[in-house]
C-alpha atoms as a PDB file:
ATOM      1  CA  MET A   1       0.000   0.000   0.000  1.00  0.00           C
ATOM      2  CA  PRO A   2       1.382   3.466  -0.902  1.00  0.00           C
ATOM      3  CA  LYS A   3       2.087   5.772   2.045  1.00  0.00           C
ATOM      4  CA  ALA A   4       2.067   9.581   2.280  1.00  0.00           C
ATOM      5  CA  VAL A   5       2.946  12.214   4.878  1.00  0.00           C
ATOM      6  CA  ALA A   6       0.341  14.993   5.004  1.00  0.00           C
ATOM      7  CA  LEU A   7       0.456  18.507   6.430  1.00  0.00           C
ATOM      8  CA  MET A   8      -2.678  18.643   8.591  1.00  0.00           C
ATOM      9  CA  SER A   9      -3.927  22.004   9.868  1.00  0.00           C
ATOM     10  CA  GLY A  10      -7.237  20.504  10.944  1.00  0.00           C
ATOM     11  CA  GLY A  11      -9.094  22.791   8.536  1.00  0.00           C
ATOM     12  CA  LEU A  12     -11.317  21.638   5.702  1.00  0.00           C
ATOM     13  CA  ASP A  13      -8.742  21.864   2.891  1.00  0.00           C
ATOM     14  CA  SER A  14      -6.209  19.621   4.625  1.00  0.00           C
ATOM     15  CA  MET A  15      -8.965  17.165   5.580  1.00  0.00           C
ATOM     16  CA  LEU A  16     -10.183  16.954   1.991  1.00  0.00           C
ATOM     17  CA  ALA A  17      -6.628  16.552   0.652  1.00  0.00           C
ATOM     18  CA  VAL A  18      -6.107  13.574   2.950  1.00  0.00           C
ATOM     19  CA  ARG A  19      -9.450  12.017   2.074  1.00  0.00           C
ATOM     20  CA  LEU A  20      -8.809  12.364  -1.665  1.00  0.00           C
ATOM     21  CA  VAL A  21      -5.754  10.124  -1.404  1.00  0.00           C
ATOM     22  CA  GLN A  22      -7.223   7.804   1.229  1.00  0.00           C
ATOM     23  CA  ILE A  23     -10.043   6.824  -1.118  1.00  0.00           C
ATOM     24  CA  GLN A  24      -7.303   5.666  -3.483  1.00  0.00           C
ATOM     25  CA  ASP A  25      -5.923   3.280  -0.837  1.00  0.00           C
ATOM     26  CA  VAL A  26      -3.054   5.498   0.307  1.00  0.00           C
ATOM     27  CA  GLU A  27      -2.020   5.229   3.963  1.00  0.00           C
ATOM     28  CA  VAL A  28      -1.579   8.714   5.487  1.00  0.00           C
ATOM     29  CA  HIS A  29       0.601   9.884   8.387  1.00  0.00           C
ATOM     30  CA  ALA A  30      -0.423  13.441   9.372  1.00  0.00           C
ATOM     31  CA  LEU A  31       1.745  16.240  10.813  1.00  0.00           C
ATOM     32  CA  HIS A  32       0.269  19.204  12.708  1.00  0.00           C
ATOM     33  CA  PHE A  33       2.609  22.180  13.262  1.00  0.00           C
ATOM     34  CA  VAL A  34       2.164  24.372  16.340  1.00  0.00           C
ATOM     35  CA  SER A  35       3.803  27.699  17.126  1.00  0.00           C
ATOM     36  CA  VAL A  36       3.516  30.573  19.570  1.00  0.00           C
ATOM     37  CA  PHE A  37       2.344  32.666  16.609  1.00  0.00           C
ATOM     38  CA  ASN A  38      -0.444  30.509  15.240  1.00  0.00           C
ATOM     39  CA  CYS A  39      -3.755  29.093  16.312  1.00  0.00           C
ATOM     40  CA  GLY A  40      -2.125  25.676  16.497  1.00  0.00           C
ATOM     41  CA  ALA A  41      -0.578  26.816  19.776  1.00  0.00           C
ATOM     42  CA  LYS A  42      -4.046  26.879  21.339  1.00  0.00           C
ATOM     43  CA  PRO A  43      -5.403  23.629  22.810  1.00  0.00           C
ATOM     44  CA  GLY A  44      -8.624  24.103  20.810  1.00  0.00           C
ATOM     45  CA  ALA A  45      -6.723  24.088  17.523  1.00  0.00           C
ATOM     46  CA  ARG A  46      -4.776  20.983  18.486  1.00  0.00           C
ATOM     47  CA  LEU A  47      -8.072  19.375  19.427  1.00  0.00           C
ATOM     48  CA  SER A  48      -9.485  20.271  15.994  1.00  0.00           C
ATOM     49  CA  ALA A  49      -6.512  18.625  14.306  1.00  0.00           C
ATOM     50  CA  ALA A  50      -6.835  15.584  16.560  1.00  0.00           C
ATOM     51  CA  ARG A  51     -10.551  15.306  15.789  1.00  0.00           C
ATOM     52  CA  ALA A  52      -9.864  15.672  12.077  1.00  0.00           C
ATOM     53  CA  ALA A  53      -7.227  12.934  12.177  1.00  0.00           C
ATOM     54  CA  GLN A  54      -9.549  10.700  14.192  1.00  0.00           C
ATOM     55  CA  GLU A  55     -12.405  11.227  11.733  1.00  0.00           C
ATOM     56  CA  LEU A  56     -10.062  10.470   8.841  1.00  0.00           C
ATOM     57  CA  GLY A  57      -8.581   7.471  10.627  1.00  0.00           C
ATOM     58  CA  CYS A  58      -4.932   8.490  10.339  1.00  0.00           C
ATOM     59  CA  PRO A  59      -2.196   8.920  12.972  1.00  0.00           C
ATOM     60  CA  LEU A  60      -1.352  12.501  13.948  1.00  0.00           C
ATOM     61  CA  GLU A  61       2.050  13.821  15.016  1.00  0.00           C
ATOM     62  CA  ILE A  62       2.330  17.247  16.716  1.00  0.00           C
ATOM     63  CA  VAL A  63       5.411  19.244  15.657  1.00  0.00           C
ATOM     64  CA  ASN A  64       6.611  22.236  17.720  1.00  0.00           C
ATOM     65  CA  PHE A  65       7.511  24.803  15.065  1.00  0.00           C
ATOM     66  CA  THR A  66       8.234  27.828  17.285  1.00  0.00           C
ATOM     67  CA  ALA A  67      12.051  27.740  17.267  1.00  0.00           C
ATOM     68  CA  ARG A  68      12.234  27.253  13.503  1.00  0.00           C
ATOM     69  CA  GLN A  69       9.683  29.997  12.886  1.00  0.00           C
ATOM     70  CA  MET A  70      11.553  32.443  15.144  1.00  0.00           C
ATOM     71  CA  ALA A  71      14.730  31.840  13.141  1.00  0.00           C
ATOM     72  CA  ILE A  72      12.837  32.421   9.878  1.00  0.00           C
ATOM     73  CA  LEU A  73      11.345  35.678  11.179  1.00  0.00           C
ATOM     74  CA  ARG A  74      14.770  37.132  11.891  1.00  0.00           C
ATOM     75  CA  ASP A  75      15.837  36.717   8.254  1.00  0.00           C
ATOM     76  CA  PRO A  76      13.157  35.436   5.850  1.00  0.00           C
ATOM     77  CA  ALA A  77      14.742  34.562   2.513  1.00  0.00           C
ATOM     78  CA  HIS A  78      11.548  35.393   0.605  1.00  0.00           C
ATOM     79  CA  GLY A  79      10.505  38.375   2.689  1.00  0.00           C
ATOM     80  CA  PHE A  80       7.223  39.152   4.389  1.00  0.00           C
ATOM     81  CA  GLY A  81       3.676  39.317   3.115  1.00  0.00           C
ATOM     82  CA  SER A  82       1.392  42.235   3.978  1.00  0.00           C
ATOM     83  CA  ALA A  83       2.289  42.028   7.684  1.00  0.00           C
ATOM     84  CA  ALA A  84       5.143  40.054   9.328  1.00  0.00           C
ATOM     85  CA  ASN A  85       4.224  36.782   7.663  1.00  0.00           C
ATOM     86  CA  PRO A  86       7.086  34.908   5.963  1.00  0.00           C
ATOM     87  CA  CYS A  87       4.581  32.443   4.495  1.00  0.00           C
ATOM     88  CA  ILE A  88       6.758  30.978   1.758  1.00  0.00           C
ATOM     89  CA  ASP A  89       9.697  30.320   4.077  1.00  0.00           C
ATOM     90  CA  CYS A  90       7.481  28.847   6.802  1.00  0.00           C
ATOM     91  CA  HIS A  91       5.750  26.561   4.356  1.00  0.00           C
ATOM     92  CA  MET A  92       9.033  25.420   2.863  1.00  0.00           C
ATOM     93  CA  ALA A  93      10.337  24.612   6.351  1.00  0.00           C
ATOM     94  CA  MET A  94       7.222  22.573   7.120  1.00  0.00           C
ATOM     95  CA  ILE A  95       7.494  20.663   3.859  1.00  0.00           C
ATOM     96  CA  LEU A  96      11.184  19.940   4.475  1.00  0.00           C
ATOM     97  CA  HIS A  97      10.305  18.580   7.922  1.00  0.00           C
ATOM     98  CA  ALA A  98       7.601  16.447   6.303  1.00  0.00           C
ATOM     99  CA  ALA A  99      10.177  15.168   3.805  1.00  0.00           C
ATOM    100  CA  GLY A 100      12.391  14.061   6.677  1.00  0.00           C
ATOM    101  CA  ARG A 101       9.521  12.140   8.275  1.00  0.00           C
ATOM    102  CA  MET A 102       8.617  10.704   4.876  1.00  0.00           C
ATOM    103  CA  ARG A 103      12.077   9.156   4.598  1.00  0.00           C
ATOM    104  CA  GLU A 104      12.060   7.955   8.210  1.00  0.00           C
ATOM    105  CA  ILE A 105       8.792   6.062   7.904  1.00  0.00           C
ATOM    106  CA  GLY A 106       9.317   4.896   4.325  1.00  0.00           C
ATOM    107  CA  ALA A 107       6.509   6.963   2.792  1.00  0.00           C
ATOM    108  CA  ASP A 108       6.312   7.663  -0.942  1.00  0.00           C
ATOM    109  CA  PHE A 109       5.197  11.285  -1.216  1.00  0.00           C
ATOM    110  CA  ILE A 110       3.942  14.410   0.590  1.00  0.00           C
ATOM    111  CA  VAL A 111       0.349  15.699   0.604  1.00  0.00           C
ATOM    112  CA  THR A 112      -0.702  19.279   1.331  1.00  0.00           C
ATOM    113  CA  GLY A 113      -4.080  21.010   1.372  1.00  0.00           C
ATOM    114  CA  GLU A 114      -2.871  23.948  -0.711  1.00  0.00           C
ATOM    115  CA  VAL A 115      -5.201  25.395  -3.340  1.00  0.00           C
ATOM    116  CA  ALA A 116      -3.594  27.210  -6.249  1.00  0.00           C
ATOM    117  CA  GLY A 117      -4.413  30.920  -6.088  1.00  0.00           C
ATOM    118  CA  GLN A 118      -6.111  30.783  -2.683  1.00  0.00           C
ATOM    119  CA  ARG A 119      -3.469  32.701  -0.703  1.00  0.00           C
ATOM    120  CA  PRO A 120      -1.787  35.735  -2.270  1.00  0.00           C
ATOM    121  CA  MET A 121       1.776  35.006  -1.124  1.00  0.00           C
ATOM    122  CA  SER A 122       2.405  31.302  -0.695  1.00  0.00           C
ATOM    123  CA  GLN A 123      -0.182  29.657  -2.956  1.00  0.00           C
ATOM    124  CA  ARG A 124       0.295  31.439  -6.261  1.00  0.00           C
ATOM    125  CA  THR A 125       1.047  28.923  -8.991  1.00  0.00           C
ATOM    126  CA  ASN A 126       4.581  30.268  -9.458  1.00  0.00           C
ATOM    127  CA  ALA A 127       5.132  30.196  -5.674  1.00  0.00           C
ATOM    128  CA  LEU A 128       4.114  26.522  -5.562  1.00  0.00           C
ATOM    129  CA  SER A 129       6.611  25.763  -8.342  1.00  0.00           C
ATOM    130  CA  MET A 130       9.314  27.706  -6.506  1.00  0.00           C
ATOM    131  CA  ILE A 131       8.633  25.742  -3.296  1.00  0.00           C
ATOM    132  CA  ASN A 132       8.999  22.474  -5.229  1.00  0.00           C
ATOM    133  CA  GLU A 133      12.304  23.609  -6.723  1.00  0.00           C
ATOM    134  CA  GLU A 134      13.928  25.299  -3.733  1.00  0.00           C
ATOM    135  CA  THR A 135      13.147  22.489  -1.302  1.00  0.00           C
ATOM    136  CA  GLY A 136      14.718  20.070  -3.755  1.00  0.00           C
ATOM    137  CA  LEU A 137      11.636  17.869  -3.470  1.00  0.00           C
ATOM    138  CA  GLY A 138      10.338  18.560  -6.942  1.00  0.00           C
ATOM    139  CA  ASP A 139       7.221  16.682  -7.916  1.00  0.00           C
ATOM    140  CA  ILE A 140       6.886  14.356  -4.923  1.00  0.00           C
ATOM    141  CA  ILE A 141       4.622  17.049  -3.389  1.00  0.00           C
ATOM    142  CA  LEU A 142       1.008  16.286  -4.278  1.00  0.00           C
ATOM    143  CA  ARG A 143      -1.696  18.935  -3.854  1.00  0.00           C
ATOM    144  CA  PRO A 144      -4.854  16.861  -4.374  1.00  0.00           C
ATOM    145  CA  LEU A 145      -7.291  19.794  -4.350  1.00  0.00           C
ATOM    146  CA  SER A 146      -5.560  21.530  -7.292  1.00  0.00           C
ATOM    147  CA  ALA A 147      -3.748  18.593  -8.897  1.00  0.00           C
ATOM    148  CA  LYS A 148      -5.508  18.781 -12.260  1.00  0.00           C
ATOM    149  CA  ALA A 149      -4.642  22.488 -12.538  1.00  0.00           C
ATOM    150  CA  LEU A 150      -0.953  21.806 -11.845  1.00  0.00           C
ATOM    151  CA  PRO A 151       1.772  19.751 -13.575  1.00  0.00           C
ATOM    152  CA  VAL A 152       1.643  15.978 -13.181  1.00  0.00           C
ATOM    153  CA  THR A 153       3.480  14.750 -10.083  1.00  0.00           C
ATOM    154  CA  LYS A 154       5.584  11.646  -9.473  1.00  0.00           C
ATOM    155  CA  PRO A 155       2.917   9.767  -7.450  1.00  0.00           C
ATOM    156  CA  GLU A 156       0.546  10.285 -10.384  1.00  0.00           C
ATOM    157  CA  ARG A 157       3.090   9.121 -12.961  1.00  0.00           C
ATOM    158  CA  ASP A 158       3.995   6.102 -10.843  1.00  0.00           C
ATOM    159  CA  GLY A 159       0.350   5.072 -10.561  1.00  0.00           C
ATOM    160  CA  LEU A 160       0.171   5.551  -6.778  1.00  0.00           C
ATOM    161  CA  VAL A 161      -2.829   7.862  -7.294  1.00  0.00           C
ATOM    162  CA  ASP A 162      -5.177   8.378 -10.227  1.00  0.00           C
ATOM    163  CA  ARG A 163      -5.049  11.984 -11.442  1.00  0.00           C
ATOM    164  CA  GLU A 164      -8.623  11.772 -12.729  1.00  0.00           C
ATOM    165  CA  ARG A 165      -9.886  11.180  -9.182  1.00  0.00           C
ATOM    166  CA  LEU A 166      -8.169  14.314  -7.879  1.00  0.00           C
ATOM    167  CA  GLU A 167      -9.476  17.887  -8.103  1.00  0.00           C
ATOM    168  CA  GLY A 168      -8.604  20.998 -10.135  1.00  0.00           C
ATOM    169  CA  ILE A 169      -9.737  23.740  -7.740  1.00  0.00           C
ATOM    170  CA  THR A 170      -8.182  27.205  -8.096  1.00  0.00           C
ATOM    171  CA  GLY A 171      -8.832  30.605  -6.541  1.00  0.00           C
ATOM    172  CA  ARG A 172     -10.543  31.620  -3.339  1.00  0.00           C
ATOM    173  CA  THR A 173     -14.032  30.211  -3.921  1.00  0.00           C
ATOM    174  CA  ARG A 174     -14.932  27.357  -1.592  1.00  0.00           C
ATOM    175  CA  SER A 175     -18.074  25.971  -3.209  1.00  0.00           C
ATOM    176  CA  ARG A 176     -16.337  22.844  -4.511  1.00  0.00           C
ATOM    177  CA  GLN A 177     -14.729  22.174  -1.115  1.00  0.00           C
ATOM    178  CA  MET A 178     -18.118  22.432   0.577  1.00  0.00           C
ATOM    179  CA  ALA A 179     -19.599  20.015  -1.965  1.00  0.00           C
ATOM    180  CA  LEU A 180     -16.747  17.549  -1.400  1.00  0.00           C
ATOM    181  CA  ALA A 181     -17.223  17.803   2.367  1.00  0.00           C
ATOM    182  CA  ARG A 182     -20.869  16.797   1.944  1.00  0.00           C
ATOM    183  CA  GLU A 183     -19.894  14.005  -0.440  1.00  0.00           C
ATOM    184  CA  PHE A 184     -17.353  12.611   2.040  1.00  0.00           C
ATOM    185  CA  GLY A 185     -19.633  13.102   5.045  1.00  0.00           C
ATOM    186  CA  LEU A 186     -17.298  15.606   6.712  1.00  0.00           C
ATOM    187  CA  ASP A 187     -19.906  17.585   8.581  1.00  0.00           C
ATOM    188  CA  VAL A 188     -17.792  19.192  11.329  1.00  0.00           C
ATOM    189  CA  TYR A 189     -14.692  21.233  10.519  1.00  0.00           C
ATOM    190  CA  PRO A 190     -13.209  24.583  11.642  1.00  0.00           C
ATOM    191  CA  SER A 191     -13.718  27.897   9.894  1.00  0.00           C
ATOM    192  CA  PRO A 192     -11.434  28.318   6.844  1.00  0.00           C
ATOM    193  CA  ALA A 193     -10.104  31.649   8.194  1.00  0.00           C
ATOM    194  CA  GLY A 194      -6.339  31.782   8.701  1.00  0.00           C
ATOM    195  CA  GLY A 195      -5.063  31.395  12.227  1.00  0.00           C
ATOM    196  CA  CYS A 196      -1.539  32.838  12.048  1.00  0.00           C
ATOM    197  CA  LEU A 197      -1.078  36.020  14.076  1.00  0.00           C
ATOM    198  CA  LEU A 198       1.775  37.036  11.785  1.00  0.00           C
ATOM    199  CA  THR A 199      -0.757  37.874   9.053  1.00  0.00           C
ATOM    200  CA  ASP A 200      -2.371  40.523  11.289  1.00  0.00           C
ATOM    201  CA  LYS A 201      -0.955  43.949  10.382  1.00  0.00           C
ATOM    202  CA  GLY A 202      -1.146  45.365  13.903  1.00  0.00           C
ATOM    203  CA  PHE A 203       0.563  42.345  15.390  1.00  0.00           C
ATOM    204  CA  GLY A 204       3.058  42.409  12.545  1.00  0.00           C
ATOM    205  CA  LEU A 205       4.183  45.905  13.538  1.00  0.00           C
ATOM    206  CA  ARG A 206       4.990  44.616  17.030  1.00  0.00           C
ATOM    207  CA  VAL A 207       6.985  41.726  15.599  1.00  0.00           C
ATOM    208  CA  LYS A 208       8.935  43.989  13.248  1.00  0.00           C
ATOM    209  CA  ASP A 209       9.692  46.363  16.125  1.00  0.00           C
ATOM    210  CA  LEU A 210      11.315  43.504  18.051  1.00  0.00           C
ATOM    211  CA  ILE A 211      13.215  42.325  14.979  1.00  0.00           C
ATOM    212  CA  SER A 212      14.546  45.828  14.282  1.00  0.00           C
ATOM    213  CA  HIS A 213      15.835  46.035  17.861  1.00  0.00           C
ATOM    214  CA  SER A 214      17.236  42.462  17.815  1.00  0.00           C
ATOM    215  CA  THR A 215      15.039  41.445  20.744  1.00  0.00           C
ATOM    216  CA  LEU A 216      12.780  38.808  19.181  1.00  0.00           C
ATOM    217  CA  GLU A 217      12.970  35.946  21.675  1.00  0.00           C
ATOM    218  CA  ILE A 218      10.387  33.455  22.923  1.00  0.00           C
ATOM    219  CA  ASN A 219       9.373  35.523  25.972  1.00  0.00           C
ATOM    220  CA  ASP A 220       8.912  38.610  23.829  1.00  0.00           C
ATOM    221  CA  ALA A 221       6.812  36.612  21.377  1.00  0.00           C
ATOM    222  CA  HIS A 222       4.387  35.837  24.213  1.00  0.00           C
ATOM    223  CA  LEU A 223       4.401  39.393  25.556  1.00  0.00           C
ATOM    224  CA  ILE A 224       3.521  41.059  22.252  1.00  0.00           C
ATOM    225  CA  LYS A 225       0.235  39.141  22.219  1.00  0.00           C
ATOM    226  CA  VAL A 226      -1.117  41.140  25.182  1.00  0.00           C
ATOM    227  CA  GLY A 227      -1.463  44.718  26.408  1.00  0.00           C
ATOM    228  CA  ARG A 228      -0.618  48.070  24.858  1.00  0.00           C
ATOM    229  CA  HIS A 229       2.937  48.570  23.629  1.00  0.00           C
ATOM    230  CA  TYR A 230       5.102  51.696  23.760  1.00  0.00           C
ATOM    231  CA  ARG A 231       8.625  52.029  22.373  1.00  0.00           C
ATOM    232  CA  LEU A 232      10.262  54.389  24.901  1.00  0.00           C
ATOM    233  CA  ASP A 233      13.794  54.378  23.440  1.00  0.00           C
ATOM    234  CA  GLU A 234      16.168  52.087  21.575  1.00  0.00           C
ATOM    235  CA  ARG A 235      16.645  49.862  24.639  1.00  0.00           C
ATOM    236  CA  THR A 236      13.281  50.135  26.371  1.00  0.00           C
ATOM    237  CA  LYS A 237       9.770  48.965  25.590  1.00  0.00           C
ATOM    238  CA  ALA A 238       6.767  49.252  27.912  1.00  0.00           C
ATOM    239  CA  VAL A 239       3.928  46.734  27.891  1.00  0.00           C
ATOM    240  CA  VAL A 240       0.816  47.856  29.764  1.00  0.00           C
ATOM    241  CA  GLY A 241      -1.687  45.228  30.876  1.00  0.00           C
ATOM    242  CA  ARG A 242      -5.328  46.170  30.313  1.00  0.00           C
ATOM    243  CA  ASN A 243      -6.927  43.632  32.627  1.00  0.00           C
ATOM    244  CA  GLU A 244      -6.087  40.975  35.197  1.00  0.00           C
ATOM    245  CA  ARG A 245      -5.490  38.269  32.597  1.00  0.00           C
ATOM    246  CA  GLU A 246      -3.001  40.392  30.679  1.00  0.00           C
ATOM    247  CA  ASN A 247      -1.258  41.410  33.891  1.00  0.00           C
ATOM    248  CA  GLY A 248      -0.853  37.732  34.706  1.00  0.00           C
ATOM    249  CA  VAL A 249       0.698  37.028  31.302  1.00  0.00           C
ATOM    250  CA  ILE A 250       3.132  39.924  31.738  1.00  0.00           C
ATOM    251  CA  GLU A 251       4.213  38.640  35.152  1.00  0.00           C
ATOM    252  CA  THR A 252       4.570  35.101  33.823  1.00  0.00           C
ATOM    253  CA  PHE A 253       6.910  36.058  31.006  1.00  0.00           C
ATOM    254  CA  ALA A 254       8.926  38.749  32.785  1.00  0.00           C
ATOM    255  CA  ARG A 255      12.617  37.886  32.995  1.00  0.00           C
ATOM    256  CA  GLU A 256      15.427  38.870  35.313  1.00  0.00           C
ATOM    257  CA  GLY A 257      16.290  42.496  34.635  1.00  0.00           C
ATOM    258  CA  ASP A 258      12.748  43.471  33.580  1.00  0.00           C
ATOM    259  CA  ILE A 259      10.982  46.092  35.659  1.00  0.00           C
ATOM    260  CA  ILE A 260       7.381  45.429  36.688  1.00  0.00           C
ATOM    261  CA  ILE A 261       5.382  48.422  37.914  1.00  0.00           C
ATOM    262  CA  PHE A 262       2.335  47.774  40.082  1.00  0.00           C
ATOM    263  CA  LEU A 263      -0.231  50.516  40.740  1.00  0.00           C
ATOM    264  CA  GLU A 264      -1.350  50.516  44.377  1.00  0.00           C
ATOM    265  CA  ASP A 265      -4.910  51.716  44.036  1.00  0.00           C
ATOM    266  CA  ILE A 266      -5.933  50.165  40.695  1.00  0.00           C
END
């Protein structure tokens, strides 16, 4: 039986991509990447991925992506999108990790839920080709939802999957995905909205401020998710908690040398 490693966000597209190869008797091993910057870091998102994998009947491996993503943020080879999102570099890193697992478990190819033209930075047709080339993986990456709109891949040529039973979806419309979900009986799945904080322009400004001052570390990554932020000078940034929860986060991630100011009467 052919075997594939799939990138599993837990969203509908990745679920459908997995199902499209499963119905062709391909065994799937799913990877779910979590990071301090994306919704995968929240227990609810991990639960969604776990539920998706359970419904699809495939094993799920959780991959902590924070350290790799922090390194990418400091110097993204392909730059940022509209905010502080190095989408192409992050996706390439995930695919390279998947390739490593593919070799370890003796799988034949990689599956992703990408749809050509759906995301403006990382899912343009030329970006998908660039990812194939620069990762050195070439055509062992199968994108089942857009396969018939893209060049033929190795698993198709080798007869591991039938191209005619794959899809040719392009663009941002989701009508075909919804129809496939009904066809496959996938009734419960998360919203298709992106979950990466790095795509938020306001949050992106905070990230870029830390990068420009060479202070992007894991504690800072947690701190910039709460409070109001003020750049006081080149060496000093103030984070002001707006409620008890945010104050607790600030205290939790304060390090030796940080100054915490408590107001007596508030």
